[in-house]
Amino acid sequence: MTSLARPRPETSAMGAAHAMHLQLSAFTELKARRQPIVMVTAYDAPSARLADEAGVDLILVGDSAANNMLGYEGTTPVTMDEMVMLTRAARRGTRRAFLLGDMPFGSYQVSDEQAVTNGIRLVKEAGADGVKLEGAGPSASRARALVEAGIPVMGHLGLTPQSVTMLGGYKAQGRTAAKALRLLEDALALQAAGCFALVLEAVSAPVAKRISEALRIPTIGIGAGPDCDGQVLVWHDLLGLNDGQAPRFVKAYADLAGQVRAALETYAAEVRSRQFPEERHTYGIPAEELAHFEAALEPSGTTPGDDPPG
């Protein structure tokens, strides 16, 4: 099957000023200027290209690909090989944005050495500009080892899906004074380890605000209120591609699931009623060549390639 794709523009729809690839220093500068950072997940080349052309600052090839793209029940089953493949695909669609590869469960928990080995894979094999990992504690040591190996690292605190069982389910975090203080301590530890930014997921908004104020590095919120230094949403959530109840922090900017479903239903109906394809969707043959072809079929009443009678 062939798809005649349109040529890809050299710069984004935002203009030539957005064509240059963002450097790591851009994010602390954006925080200093109080300019919100825009981040979105994407898992393939077309999605990354659209996000890039829209002027998104950070594209995360998240381990959320597990349930949004690969059909797993949660994020933990996705493998390192799958994340490398998906990140490599997104790299092909990304020019301006800073591209992050998510480190899946089991790719960094064992040791600093394991973390560096797999971080190198995401950078060298997949073309990521940096990596993201979840948690604090041992993860701060992993982050430091990755940074010392020359790999930019984004941390992730609050609701960390890879350890959701230990958190007691998908619940908001930092809703007691003790837990809020622990989040702040963990955030400072990740900053000290060299992380260039930090995701705060499902964190009480006032707590996320105080953490953001306490850090030199930017915070990227998802369900953490408006006072983080940036925001991130999952591709399938913001475009309305997922069925079922979305988390309360999700805003769907489109209903692509409904539009796609309607388009497929129309296509199926037109195929079955022979309305598609129309003449404008087909290729012709010169009349003279068609006549020769038809004549070649007439003498023996057989089609070329058929076995001769007898």
C-alpha atoms as a PDB file:
ATOM      1  CA  MET A   1       0.000   0.000   0.000  1.00  0.00           C
ATOM      2  CA  THR A   2       1.305   3.419  -0.969  1.00  0.00           C
ATOM      3  CA  SER A   3       0.627   6.745   0.682  1.00  0.00           C
ATOM      4  CA  LEU A   4       1.584   9.868  -1.226  1.00  0.00           C
ATOM      5  CA  ALA A   5       2.428  12.099   1.728  1.00  0.00           C
ATOM      6  CA  ARG A   6       2.763  15.853   1.331  1.00  0.00           C
ATOM      7  CA  PRO A   7       6.301  17.274   1.522  1.00  0.00           C
ATOM      8  CA  ARG A   8       7.302  18.347   5.020  1.00  0.00           C
ATOM      9  CA  PRO A   9       7.905  22.099   5.414  1.00  0.00           C
ATOM     10  CA  GLU A  10      11.384  23.166   6.453  1.00  0.00           C
ATOM     11  CA  THR A  11      10.090  25.365   9.264  1.00  0.00           C
ATOM     12  CA  SER A  12       7.087  25.314  11.536  1.00  0.00           C
ATOM     13  CA  ALA A  13       3.855  27.182  11.030  1.00  0.00           C
ATOM     14  CA  MET A  14       5.103  29.521  13.762  1.00  0.00           C
ATOM     15  CA  GLY A  15       7.691  30.907  11.324  1.00  0.00           C
ATOM     16  CA  ALA A  16      11.439  30.907  10.836  1.00  0.00           C
ATOM     17  CA  ALA A  17      12.075  32.055  14.400  1.00  0.00           C
ATOM     18  CA  HIS A  18      10.910  28.667  15.626  1.00  0.00           C
ATOM     19  CA  ALA A  19      13.039  26.617  13.242  1.00  0.00           C
ATOM     20  CA  MET A  20      16.168  26.431  15.407  1.00  0.00           C
ATOM     21  CA  HIS A  21      16.502  23.406  17.670  1.00  0.00           C
ATOM     22  CA  LEU A  22      15.976  24.334  21.326  1.00  0.00           C
ATOM     23  CA  GLN A  23      19.002  23.990  23.575  1.00  0.00           C
ATOM     24  CA  LEU A  24      19.002  22.874  27.202  1.00  0.00           C
ATOM     25  CA  SER A  25      19.670  26.376  28.504  1.00  0.00           C
ATOM     26  CA  ALA A  26      16.399  27.593  26.953  1.00  0.00           C
ATOM     27  CA  PHE A  27      14.319  26.089  29.752  1.00  0.00           C
ATOM     28  CA  THR A  28      15.944  27.894  32.677  1.00  0.00           C
ATOM     29  CA  GLU A  29      15.752  31.069  30.595  1.00  0.00           C
ATOM     30  CA  LEU A  30      12.025  30.526  30.021  1.00  0.00           C
ATOM     31  CA  LYS A  31      11.521  30.035  33.771  1.00  0.00           C
ATOM     32  CA  ALA A  32      13.462  33.230  34.502  1.00  0.00           C
ATOM     33  CA  ARG A  33      11.247  35.138  32.047  1.00  0.00           C
ATOM     34  CA  ARG A  34       8.124  33.491  33.499  1.00  0.00           C
ATOM     35  CA  GLN A  35       7.283  32.221  30.024  1.00  0.00           C
ATOM     36  CA  PRO A  36       5.298  28.956  30.388  1.00  0.00           C
ATOM     37  CA  ILE A  37       6.906  25.896  28.804  1.00  0.00           C
ATOM     38  CA  VAL A  38       4.748  23.740  26.541  1.00  0.00           C
ATOM     39  CA  MET A  39       5.270  19.969  26.611  1.00  0.00           C
ATOM     40  CA  VAL A  40       3.306  17.134  25.040  1.00  0.00           C
ATOM     41  CA  THR A  41       3.785  13.408  24.603  1.00  0.00           C
ATOM     42  CA  ALA A  42       4.151  11.956  21.112  1.00  0.00           C
ATOM     43  CA  TYR A  43       5.014   8.433  20.073  1.00  0.00           C
ATOM     44  CA  ASP A  44       5.621   8.444  16.309  1.00  0.00           C
ATOM     45  CA  ALA A  45       6.967  10.596  13.481  1.00  0.00           C
ATOM     46  CA  PRO A  46       3.678  12.174  12.273  1.00  0.00           C
ATOM     47  CA  SER A  47       2.591  13.122  15.801  1.00  0.00           C
ATOM     48  CA  ALA A  48       6.004  14.557  16.661  1.00  0.00           C
ATOM     49  CA  ARG A  49       6.064  16.513  13.388  1.00  0.00           C
ATOM     50  CA  LEU A  50       2.666  18.086  14.108  1.00  0.00           C
ATOM     51  CA  ALA A  51       3.697  18.999  17.655  1.00  0.00           C
ATOM     52  CA  ASP A  52       6.977  20.418  16.382  1.00  0.00           C
ATOM     53  CA  GLU A  53       5.268  22.491  13.711  1.00  0.00           C
ATOM     54  CA  ALA A  54       2.815  23.818  16.317  1.00  0.00           C
ATOM     55  CA  GLY A  55       5.725  25.256  18.312  1.00  0.00           C
ATOM     56  CA  VAL A  56       5.696  22.834  21.267  1.00  0.00           C
ATOM     57  CA  ASP A  57       8.896  23.221  23.319  1.00  0.00           C
ATOM     58  CA  LEU A  58       9.332  19.703  24.715  1.00  0.00           C
ATOM     59  CA  ILE A  59       8.211  16.423  23.178  1.00  0.00           C
ATOM     60  CA  LEU A  60       8.205  13.435  25.515  1.00  0.00           C
ATOM     61  CA  VAL A  61       8.103   9.923  24.139  1.00  0.00           C
ATOM     62  CA  GLY A  62       6.457   8.757  27.338  1.00  0.00           C
ATOM     63  CA  ASP A  63       6.141   5.255  28.696  1.00  0.00           C
ATOM     64  CA  SER A  64       2.432   6.106  28.484  1.00  0.00           C
ATOM     65  CA  ALA A  65       2.850   4.704  24.972  1.00  0.00           C
ATOM     66  CA  ALA A  66       2.333   1.371  26.731  1.00  0.00           C
ATOM     67  CA  ASN A  67      -1.393   1.878  27.206  1.00  0.00           C
ATOM     68  CA  ASN A  68      -2.023   4.609  24.606  1.00  0.00           C
ATOM     69  CA  MET A  69      -0.248   2.970  21.662  1.00  0.00           C
ATOM     70  CA  LEU A  70       0.660  -0.628  22.440  1.00  0.00           C
ATOM     71  CA  GLY A  71      -2.494  -1.844  24.171  1.00  0.00           C
ATOM     72  CA  TYR A  72      -0.995  -2.692  27.564  1.00  0.00           C
ATOM     73  CA  GLU A  73      -3.099  -2.204  30.702  1.00  0.00           C
ATOM     74  CA  GLY A  74      -0.542   0.115  32.285  1.00  0.00           C
ATOM     75  CA  THR A  75       2.908   1.577  31.737  1.00  0.00           C
ATOM     76  CA  THR A  76       5.093  -1.047  33.414  1.00  0.00           C
ATOM     77  CA  PRO A  77       5.067  -3.713  30.644  1.00  0.00           C
ATOM     78  CA  VAL A  78       6.658  -1.501  27.977  1.00  0.00           C
ATOM     79  CA  THR A  79      10.227  -2.596  27.219  1.00  0.00           C
ATOM     80  CA  MET A  80      13.428  -0.702  26.578  1.00  0.00           C
ATOM     81  CA  ASP A  81      13.491  -1.959  22.986  1.00  0.00           C
ATOM     82  CA  GLU A  82       9.965  -0.635  22.435  1.00  0.00           C
ATOM     83  CA  MET A  83      10.882   2.757  23.889  1.00  0.00           C
ATOM     84  CA  VAL A  84      13.953   2.964  21.652  1.00  0.00           C
ATOM     85  CA  MET A  85      11.844   2.160  18.592  1.00  0.00           C
ATOM     86  CA  LEU A  86       9.162   4.732  19.470  1.00  0.00           C
ATOM     87  CA  THR A  87      11.702   7.437  20.343  1.00  0.00           C
ATOM     88  CA  ARG A  88      13.576   6.844  17.103  1.00  0.00           C
ATOM     89  CA  ALA A  89      10.306   7.298  15.204  1.00  0.00           C
ATOM     90  CA  ALA A  90       9.516  10.562  17.027  1.00  0.00           C
ATOM     91  CA  ARG A  91      13.056  11.789  16.336  1.00  0.00           C
ATOM     92  CA  ARG A  92      12.342  11.598  12.599  1.00  0.00           C
ATOM     93  CA  GLY A  93       9.472  14.033  13.044  1.00  0.00           C
ATOM     94  CA  THR A  94      11.197  16.477  15.408  1.00  0.00           C
ATOM     95  CA  ARG A  95      13.324  19.413  14.337  1.00  0.00           C
ATOM     96  CA  ARG A  96      12.890  22.317  16.746  1.00  0.00           C
ATOM     97  CA  ALA A  97      11.556  20.819  19.982  1.00  0.00           C
ATOM     98  CA  PHE A  98      13.715  19.205  22.660  1.00  0.00           C
ATOM     99  CA  LEU A  99      13.021  15.456  22.469  1.00  0.00           C
ATOM    100  CA  LEU A 100      12.941  13.338  25.643  1.00  0.00           C
ATOM    101  CA  GLY A 101      12.862   9.559  25.837  1.00  0.00           C
ATOM    102  CA  ASP A 102      11.135   8.102  28.899  1.00  0.00           C
ATOM    103  CA  MET A 103      13.056   5.425  30.773  1.00  0.00           C
ATOM    104  CA  PRO A 104      10.650   2.503  31.273  1.00  0.00           C
ATOM    105  CA  PHE A 105      10.202   0.450  34.412  1.00  0.00           C
ATOM    106  CA  GLY A 106      13.139  -1.927  34.863  1.00  0.00           C
ATOM    107  CA  SER A 107      15.571   0.162  32.819  1.00  0.00           C
ATOM    108  CA  TYR A 108      17.175   2.080  35.718  1.00  0.00           C
ATOM    109  CA  GLN A 109      15.983   0.651  39.050  1.00  0.00           C
ATOM    110  CA  VAL A 110      18.816  -1.889  39.491  1.00  0.00           C
ATOM    111  CA  SER A 111      21.868   0.381  39.491  1.00  0.00           C
ATOM    112  CA  ASP A 112      23.456   3.596  38.282  1.00  0.00           C
ATOM    113  CA  GLU A 113      25.313   1.557  35.664  1.00  0.00           C
ATOM    114  CA  GLN A 114      22.064   0.114  34.309  1.00  0.00           C
ATOM    115  CA  ALA A 115      20.580   3.601  34.131  1.00  0.00           C
ATOM    116  CA  VAL A 116      23.551   4.972  32.193  1.00  0.00           C
ATOM    117  CA  THR A 117      23.599   2.017  29.801  1.00  0.00           C
ATOM    118  CA  ASN A 118      19.933   2.446  28.939  1.00  0.00           C
ATOM    119  CA  GLY A 119      20.131   6.236  28.883  1.00  0.00           C
ATOM    120  CA  ILE A 120      22.904   5.959  26.319  1.00  0.00           C
ATOM    121  CA  ARG A 121      20.643   3.743  24.211  1.00  0.00           C
ATOM    122  CA  LEU A 122      17.907   6.387  24.125  1.00  0.00           C
ATOM    123  CA  VAL A 123      20.416   9.074  23.123  1.00  0.00           C
ATOM    124  CA  LYS A 124      22.672   7.106  20.768  1.00  0.00           C
ATOM    125  CA  GLU A 125      20.258   4.644  19.152  1.00  0.00           C
ATOM    126  CA  ALA A 126      17.044   6.655  19.288  1.00  0.00           C
ATOM    127  CA  GLY A 127      18.338  10.212  18.960  1.00  0.00           C
ATOM    128  CA  ALA A 128      16.791  11.591  22.166  1.00  0.00           C
ATOM    129  CA  ASP A 129      18.127  14.912  23.454  1.00  0.00           C
ATOM    130  CA  GLY A 130      17.620  13.730  27.031  1.00  0.00           C
ATOM    131  CA  VAL A 131      15.730  11.270  29.220  1.00  0.00           C
ATOM    132  CA  LYS A 132      13.067  11.303  31.919  1.00  0.00           C
ATOM    133  CA  LEU A 133      12.877   9.030  34.944  1.00  0.00           C
ATOM    134  CA  GLU A 134      10.490   8.721  37.873  1.00  0.00           C
ATOM    135  CA  GLY A 135      10.937   9.070  41.612  1.00  0.00           C
ATOM    136  CA  ALA A 136      13.510  10.316  44.070  1.00  0.00           C
ATOM    137  CA  GLY A 137      15.647   8.405  46.580  1.00  0.00           C
ATOM    138  CA  PRO A 138      17.688   5.986  44.435  1.00  0.00           C
ATOM    139  CA  SER A 139      16.474   7.837  41.338  1.00  0.00           C
ATOM    140  CA  ALA A 140      18.463  10.889  42.438  1.00  0.00           C
ATOM    141  CA  SER A 141      21.605   8.757  42.276  1.00  0.00           C
ATOM    142  CA  ARG A 142      20.547   7.476  38.837  1.00  0.00           C
ATOM    143  CA  ALA A 143      19.940  11.036  37.650  1.00  0.00           C
ATOM    144  CA  ARG A 144      23.355  12.159  38.859  1.00  0.00           C
ATOM    145  CA  ALA A 145      25.062   9.249  37.087  1.00  0.00           C
ATOM    146  CA  LEU A 146      23.232  10.035  33.844  1.00  0.00           C
ATOM    147  CA  VAL A 147      24.113  13.733  34.041  1.00  0.00           C
ATOM    148  CA  GLU A 148      27.760  12.866  34.716  1.00  0.00           C
ATOM    149  CA  ALA A 149      27.636  10.707  31.575  1.00  0.00           C
ATOM    150  CA  GLY A 150      26.529  13.770  29.616  1.00  0.00           C
ATOM    151  CA  ILE A 151      22.806  12.957  29.356  1.00  0.00           C
ATOM    152  CA  PRO A 152      20.255  15.652  30.273  1.00  0.00           C
ATOM    153  CA  VAL A 153      17.682  14.341  32.763  1.00  0.00           C
ATOM    154  CA  MET A 154      14.143  15.405  33.625  1.00  0.00           C
ATOM    155  CA  GLY A 155      12.838  14.123  36.958  1.00  0.00           C
ATOM    156  CA  HIS A 156       9.251  13.136  37.781  1.00  0.00           C
ATOM    157  CA  LEU A 157       7.581  13.395  41.204  1.00  0.00           C
ATOM    158  CA  GLY A 158       4.089  13.131  42.641  1.00  0.00           C
ATOM    159  CA  LEU A 159       1.952  10.500  41.004  1.00  0.00           C
ATOM    160  CA  THR A 160       4.547   8.224  39.425  1.00  0.00           C
ATOM    161  CA  PRO A 161       2.709   5.590  37.352  1.00  0.00           C
ATOM    162  CA  GLN A 162       5.556   3.062  37.478  1.00  0.00           C
ATOM    163  CA  SER A 163       5.114   2.822  41.257  1.00  0.00           C
ATOM    164  CA  VAL A 164       1.361   3.425  41.418  1.00  0.00           C
ATOM    165  CA  THR A 165       0.778   0.238  43.434  1.00  0.00           C
ATOM    166  CA  MET A 166       3.031   1.513  46.224  1.00  0.00           C
ATOM    167  CA  LEU A 167       1.211   4.853  46.139  1.00  0.00           C
ATOM    168  CA  GLY A 168      -2.121   3.128  46.717  1.00  0.00           C
ATOM    169  CA  GLY A 169      -3.543   3.870  43.283  1.00  0.00           C
ATOM    170  CA  TYR A 170      -4.003   6.880  41.049  1.00  0.00           C
ATOM    171  CA  LYS A 171      -4.362   9.523  43.753  1.00  0.00           C
ATOM    172  CA  ALA A 172      -3.359  13.151  44.155  1.00  0.00           C
ATOM    173  CA  GLN A 173      -0.087  13.561  46.044  1.00  0.00           C
ATOM    174  CA  GLY A 174       1.209  16.021  48.641  1.00  0.00           C
ATOM    175  CA  ARG A 175      -2.089  16.496  50.477  1.00  0.00           C
ATOM    176  CA  THR A 176      -0.670  16.378  53.993  1.00  0.00           C
ATOM    177  CA  ALA A 177       2.024  18.646  55.423  1.00  0.00           C
ATOM    178  CA  ALA A 178       4.433  15.719  55.881  1.00  0.00           C
ATOM    179  CA  LYS A 179       3.954  14.452  52.335  1.00  0.00           C
ATOM    180  CA  ALA A 180       4.228  17.948  50.895  1.00  0.00           C
ATOM    181  CA  LEU A 181       7.527  18.479  52.715  1.00  0.00           C
ATOM    182  CA  ARG A 182       8.788  15.142  51.406  1.00  0.00           C
ATOM    183  CA  LEU A 183       7.936  16.185  47.842  1.00  0.00           C
ATOM    184  CA  LEU A 184       9.855  19.434  48.304  1.00  0.00           C
ATOM    185  CA  GLU A 185      12.864  17.576  49.719  1.00  0.00           C
ATOM    186  CA  ASP A 186      12.772  15.121  46.818  1.00  0.00           C
ATOM    187  CA  ALA A 187      12.519  17.957  44.305  1.00  0.00           C
ATOM    188  CA  LEU A 188      15.554  19.684  45.818  1.00  0.00           C
ATOM    189  CA  ALA A 189      17.462  16.382  45.753  1.00  0.00           C
ATOM    190  CA  LEU A 190      16.737  15.896  42.053  1.00  0.00           C
ATOM    191  CA  GLN A 191      17.795  19.481  41.347  1.00  0.00           C
ATOM    192  CA  ALA A 192      21.028  18.856  43.250  1.00  0.00           C
ATOM    193  CA  ALA A 193      21.565  15.682  41.214  1.00  0.00           C
ATOM    194  CA  GLY A 194      21.617  17.792  38.058  1.00  0.00           C
ATOM    195  CA  CYS A 195      18.106  17.419  36.624  1.00  0.00           C
ATOM    196  CA  PHE A 196      17.334  20.262  34.227  1.00  0.00           C
ATOM    197  CA  ALA A 197      13.561  20.140  34.881  1.00  0.00           C
ATOM    198  CA  LEU A 198      10.970  18.267  36.885  1.00  0.00           C
ATOM    199  CA  VAL A 199       7.494  16.890  36.140  1.00  0.00           C
ATOM    200  CA  LEU A 200       4.997  17.281  38.978  1.00  0.00           C
ATOM    201  CA  GLU A 201       2.036  14.966  38.413  1.00  0.00           C
ATOM    202  CA  ALA A 202      -1.236  15.122  40.366  1.00  0.00           C
ATOM    203  CA  VAL A 203       0.308  17.266  43.081  1.00  0.00           C
ATOM    204  CA  SER A 204      -1.802  19.601  45.197  1.00  0.00           C
ATOM    205  CA  ALA A 205      -1.729  22.970  43.414  1.00  0.00           C
ATOM    206  CA  PRO A 206      -0.552  25.081  46.406  1.00  0.00           C
ATOM    207  CA  VAL A 207       2.245  22.570  47.078  1.00  0.00           C
ATOM    208  CA  ALA A 208       3.288  22.552  43.414  1.00  0.00           C
ATOM    209  CA  LYS A 209       3.396  26.357  43.522  1.00  0.00           C
ATOM    210  CA  ARG A 210       5.740  26.399  46.525  1.00  0.00           C
ATOM    211  CA  ILE A 211       7.976  23.711  44.994  1.00  0.00           C
ATOM    212  CA  SER A 212       8.167  25.687  41.747  1.00  0.00           C
ATOM    213  CA  GLU A 213       9.156  28.812  43.676  1.00  0.00           C
ATOM    214  CA  ALA A 214      11.821  26.930  45.628  1.00  0.00           C
ATOM    215  CA  LEU A 215      13.566  25.449  42.583  1.00  0.00           C
ATOM    216  CA  ARG A 216      15.990  27.042  40.137  1.00  0.00           C
ATOM    217  CA  ILE A 217      14.970  24.516  37.513  1.00  0.00           C
ATOM    218  CA  PRO A 218      11.548  24.603  35.810  1.00  0.00           C
ATOM    219  CA  THR A 219       8.629  22.440  36.863  1.00  0.00           C
ATOM    220  CA  ILE A 220       6.257  20.933  34.308  1.00  0.00           C
ATOM    221  CA  GLY A 221       2.814  20.281  35.729  1.00  0.00           C
ATOM    222  CA  ILE A 222       0.218  17.692  34.853  1.00  0.00           C
ATOM    223  CA  GLY A 223      -2.644  17.997  37.282  1.00  0.00           C
ATOM    224  CA  ALA A 224      -0.486  20.242  39.477  1.00  0.00           C
ATOM    225  CA  GLY A 225      -2.170  23.591  38.958  1.00  0.00           C
ATOM    226  CA  PRO A 226      -1.401  26.755  36.994  1.00  0.00           C
ATOM    227  CA  ASP A 227       1.682  27.910  38.901  1.00  0.00           C
ATOM    228  CA  CYS A 228       4.150  25.370  37.524  1.00  0.00           C
ATOM    229  CA  ASP A 229       6.644  26.680  34.975  1.00  0.00           C
ATOM    230  CA  GLY A 230       5.030  24.663  32.190  1.00  0.00           C
ATOM    231  CA  GLN A 231       2.350  22.122  31.420  1.00  0.00           C
ATOM    232  CA  VAL A 232       2.252  18.695  29.782  1.00  0.00           C
ATOM    233  CA  LEU A 233      -0.629  16.565  28.513  1.00  0.00           C
ATOM    234  CA  VAL A 234      -0.762  13.153  26.912  1.00  0.00           C
ATOM    235  CA  TRP A 235      -1.361  13.276  23.151  1.00  0.00           C
ATOM    236  CA  HIS A 236      -4.355  10.937  23.183  1.00  0.00           C
ATOM    237  CA  ASP A 237      -5.994  12.791  26.074  1.00  0.00           C
ATOM    238  CA  LEU A 238      -5.726  16.327  24.714  1.00  0.00           C
ATOM    239  CA  LEU A 239      -6.926  15.249  21.250  1.00  0.00           C
ATOM    240  CA  GLY A 240      -9.852  13.227  22.572  1.00  0.00           C
ATOM    241  CA  LEU A 241      -8.593   9.906  21.228  1.00  0.00           C
ATOM    242  CA  ASN A 242      -9.212   7.900  24.389  1.00  0.00           C
ATOM    243  CA  ASP A 243     -12.578   6.475  25.377  1.00  0.00           C
ATOM    244  CA  GLY A 244     -13.815   6.455  28.945  1.00  0.00           C
ATOM    245  CA  GLN A 245     -13.459   8.895  31.810  1.00  0.00           C
ATOM    246  CA  ALA A 246     -10.398  11.113  31.592  1.00  0.00           C
ATOM    247  CA  PRO A 247      -8.575  12.346  34.716  1.00  0.00           C
ATOM    248  CA  ARG A 248      -9.952  15.648  36.036  1.00  0.00           C
ATOM    249  CA  PHE A 249      -6.807  17.528  35.001  1.00  0.00           C
ATOM    250  CA  VAL A 250      -7.234  16.656  31.312  1.00  0.00           C
ATOM    251  CA  LYS A 251      -8.687  19.163  28.872  1.00  0.00           C
ATOM    252  CA  ALA A 252      -9.635  17.673  25.505  1.00  0.00           C
ATOM    253  CA  TYR A 253      -8.997  20.192  22.736  1.00  0.00           C
ATOM    254  CA  ALA A 254     -10.653  18.019  20.084  1.00  0.00           C
ATOM    255  CA  ASP A 255     -12.838  14.928  19.696  1.00  0.00           C
ATOM    256  CA  LEU A 256     -10.688  13.053  17.219  1.00  0.00           C
ATOM    257  CA  ALA A 257     -12.018   9.677  18.347  1.00  0.00           C
ATOM    258  CA  GLY A 258     -15.501  10.710  17.259  1.00  0.00           C
ATOM    259  CA  GLN A 259     -14.252  12.207  14.005  1.00  0.00           C
ATOM    260  CA  VAL A 260     -12.110   9.191  13.162  1.00  0.00           C
ATOM    261  CA  ARG A 261     -14.910   6.759  13.983  1.00  0.00           C
ATOM    262  CA  ALA A 262     -17.357   8.733  11.807  1.00  0.00           C
ATOM    263  CA  ALA A 263     -14.874   8.861   8.925  1.00  0.00           C
ATOM    264  CA  LEU A 264     -14.305   5.101   9.072  1.00  0.00           C
ATOM    265  CA  GLU A 265     -18.049   4.404   9.194  1.00  0.00           C
ATOM    266  CA  THR A 266     -18.572   6.596   6.116  1.00  0.00           C
ATOM    267  CA  TYR A 267     -15.710   4.865   4.311  1.00  0.00           C
ATOM    268  CA  ALA A 268     -17.106   1.420   5.092  1.00  0.00           C
ATOM    269  CA  ALA A 269     -20.578   2.425   3.908  1.00  0.00           C
ATOM    270  CA  GLU A 270     -19.256   3.849   0.634  1.00  0.00           C
ATOM    271  CA  VAL A 271     -17.171   0.762  -0.111  1.00  0.00           C
ATOM    272  CA  ARG A 272     -20.137  -1.527   0.504  1.00  0.00           C
ATOM    273  CA  SER A 273     -22.440   0.606  -1.662  1.00  0.00           C
ATOM    274  CA  ARG A 274     -19.762   0.940  -4.378  1.00  0.00           C
ATOM    275  CA  GLN A 275     -19.733   4.718  -4.023  1.00  0.00           C
ATOM    276  CA  PHE A 276     -15.978   4.518  -3.461  1.00  0.00           C
ATOM    277  CA  PRO A 277     -13.778   4.563  -5.432  1.00  0.00           C
ATOM    278  CA  GLU A 278     -15.130   7.092  -7.938  1.00  0.00           C
ATOM    279  CA  GLU A 279     -13.625   7.615 -11.384  1.00  0.00           C
ATOM    280  CA  ARG A 280     -11.437  10.438 -10.045  1.00  0.00           C
ATOM    281  CA  HIS A 281      -9.773   7.947  -7.682  1.00  0.00           C
ATOM    282  CA  THR A 282      -8.730   5.534 -10.449  1.00  0.00           C
ATOM    283  CA  TYR A 283      -5.975   5.321 -13.096  1.00  0.00           C
ATOM    284  CA  GLY A 284      -6.716   4.922 -16.789  1.00  0.00           C
ATOM    285  CA  ILE A 285      -4.943   3.371 -19.791  1.00  0.00           C
ATOM    286  CA  PRO A 286      -4.644   4.866 -23.301  1.00  0.00           C
ATOM    287  CA  ALA A 287      -7.498   3.643 -25.533  1.00  0.00           C
ATOM    288  CA  GLU A 288      -5.082   2.179 -28.075  1.00  0.00           C
ATOM    289  CA  GLU A 289      -3.244   0.166 -25.424  1.00  0.00           C
ATOM    290  CA  LEU A 290      -6.525  -1.049 -23.985  1.00  0.00           C
ATOM    291  CA  ALA A 291      -7.610  -2.179 -27.450  1.00  0.00           C
ATOM    292  CA  HIS A 292      -4.380  -4.159 -27.892  1.00  0.00           C
ATOM    293  CA  PHE A 293      -4.855  -5.699 -24.467  1.00  0.00           C
ATOM    294  CA  GLU A 294      -8.447  -6.707 -25.234  1.00  0.00           C
ATOM    295  CA  ALA A 295      -7.428  -8.115 -28.634  1.00  0.00           C
ATOM    296  CA  ALA A 296      -4.742 -10.240 -27.019  1.00  0.00           C
ATOM    297  CA  LEU A 297      -7.404 -11.930 -24.935  1.00  0.00           C
ATOM    298  CA  GLU A 298      -9.794 -12.784 -27.800  1.00  0.00           C
ATOM    299  CA  PRO A 299      -8.184 -15.438 -30.091  1.00  0.00           C
ATOM    300  CA  SER A 300      -7.858 -18.263 -27.582  1.00  0.00           C
ATOM    301  CA  GLY A 301     -10.358 -16.987 -25.064  1.00  0.00           C
ATOM    302  CA  THR A 302      -7.670 -17.328 -22.398  1.00  0.00           C
ATOM    303  CA  THR A 303      -5.806 -14.884 -20.311  1.00  0.00           C
ATOM    304  CA  PRO A 304      -2.024 -14.692 -20.808  1.00  0.00           C
ATOM    305  CA  GLY A 305      -0.432 -17.014 -18.315  1.00  0.00           C
ATOM    306  CA  ASP A 306      -3.222 -19.624 -18.396  1.00  0.00           C
ATOM    307  CA  ASP A 307      -2.174 -23.185 -19.199  1.00  0.00           C
ATOM    308  CA  PRO A 308      -2.925 -24.123 -22.882  1.00  0.00           C
ATOM    309  CA  PRO A 309      -5.843 -26.522 -23.389  1.00  0.00           C
ATOM    310  CA  GLY A 310      -5.251 -30.237 -23.906  1.00  0.00           C
END
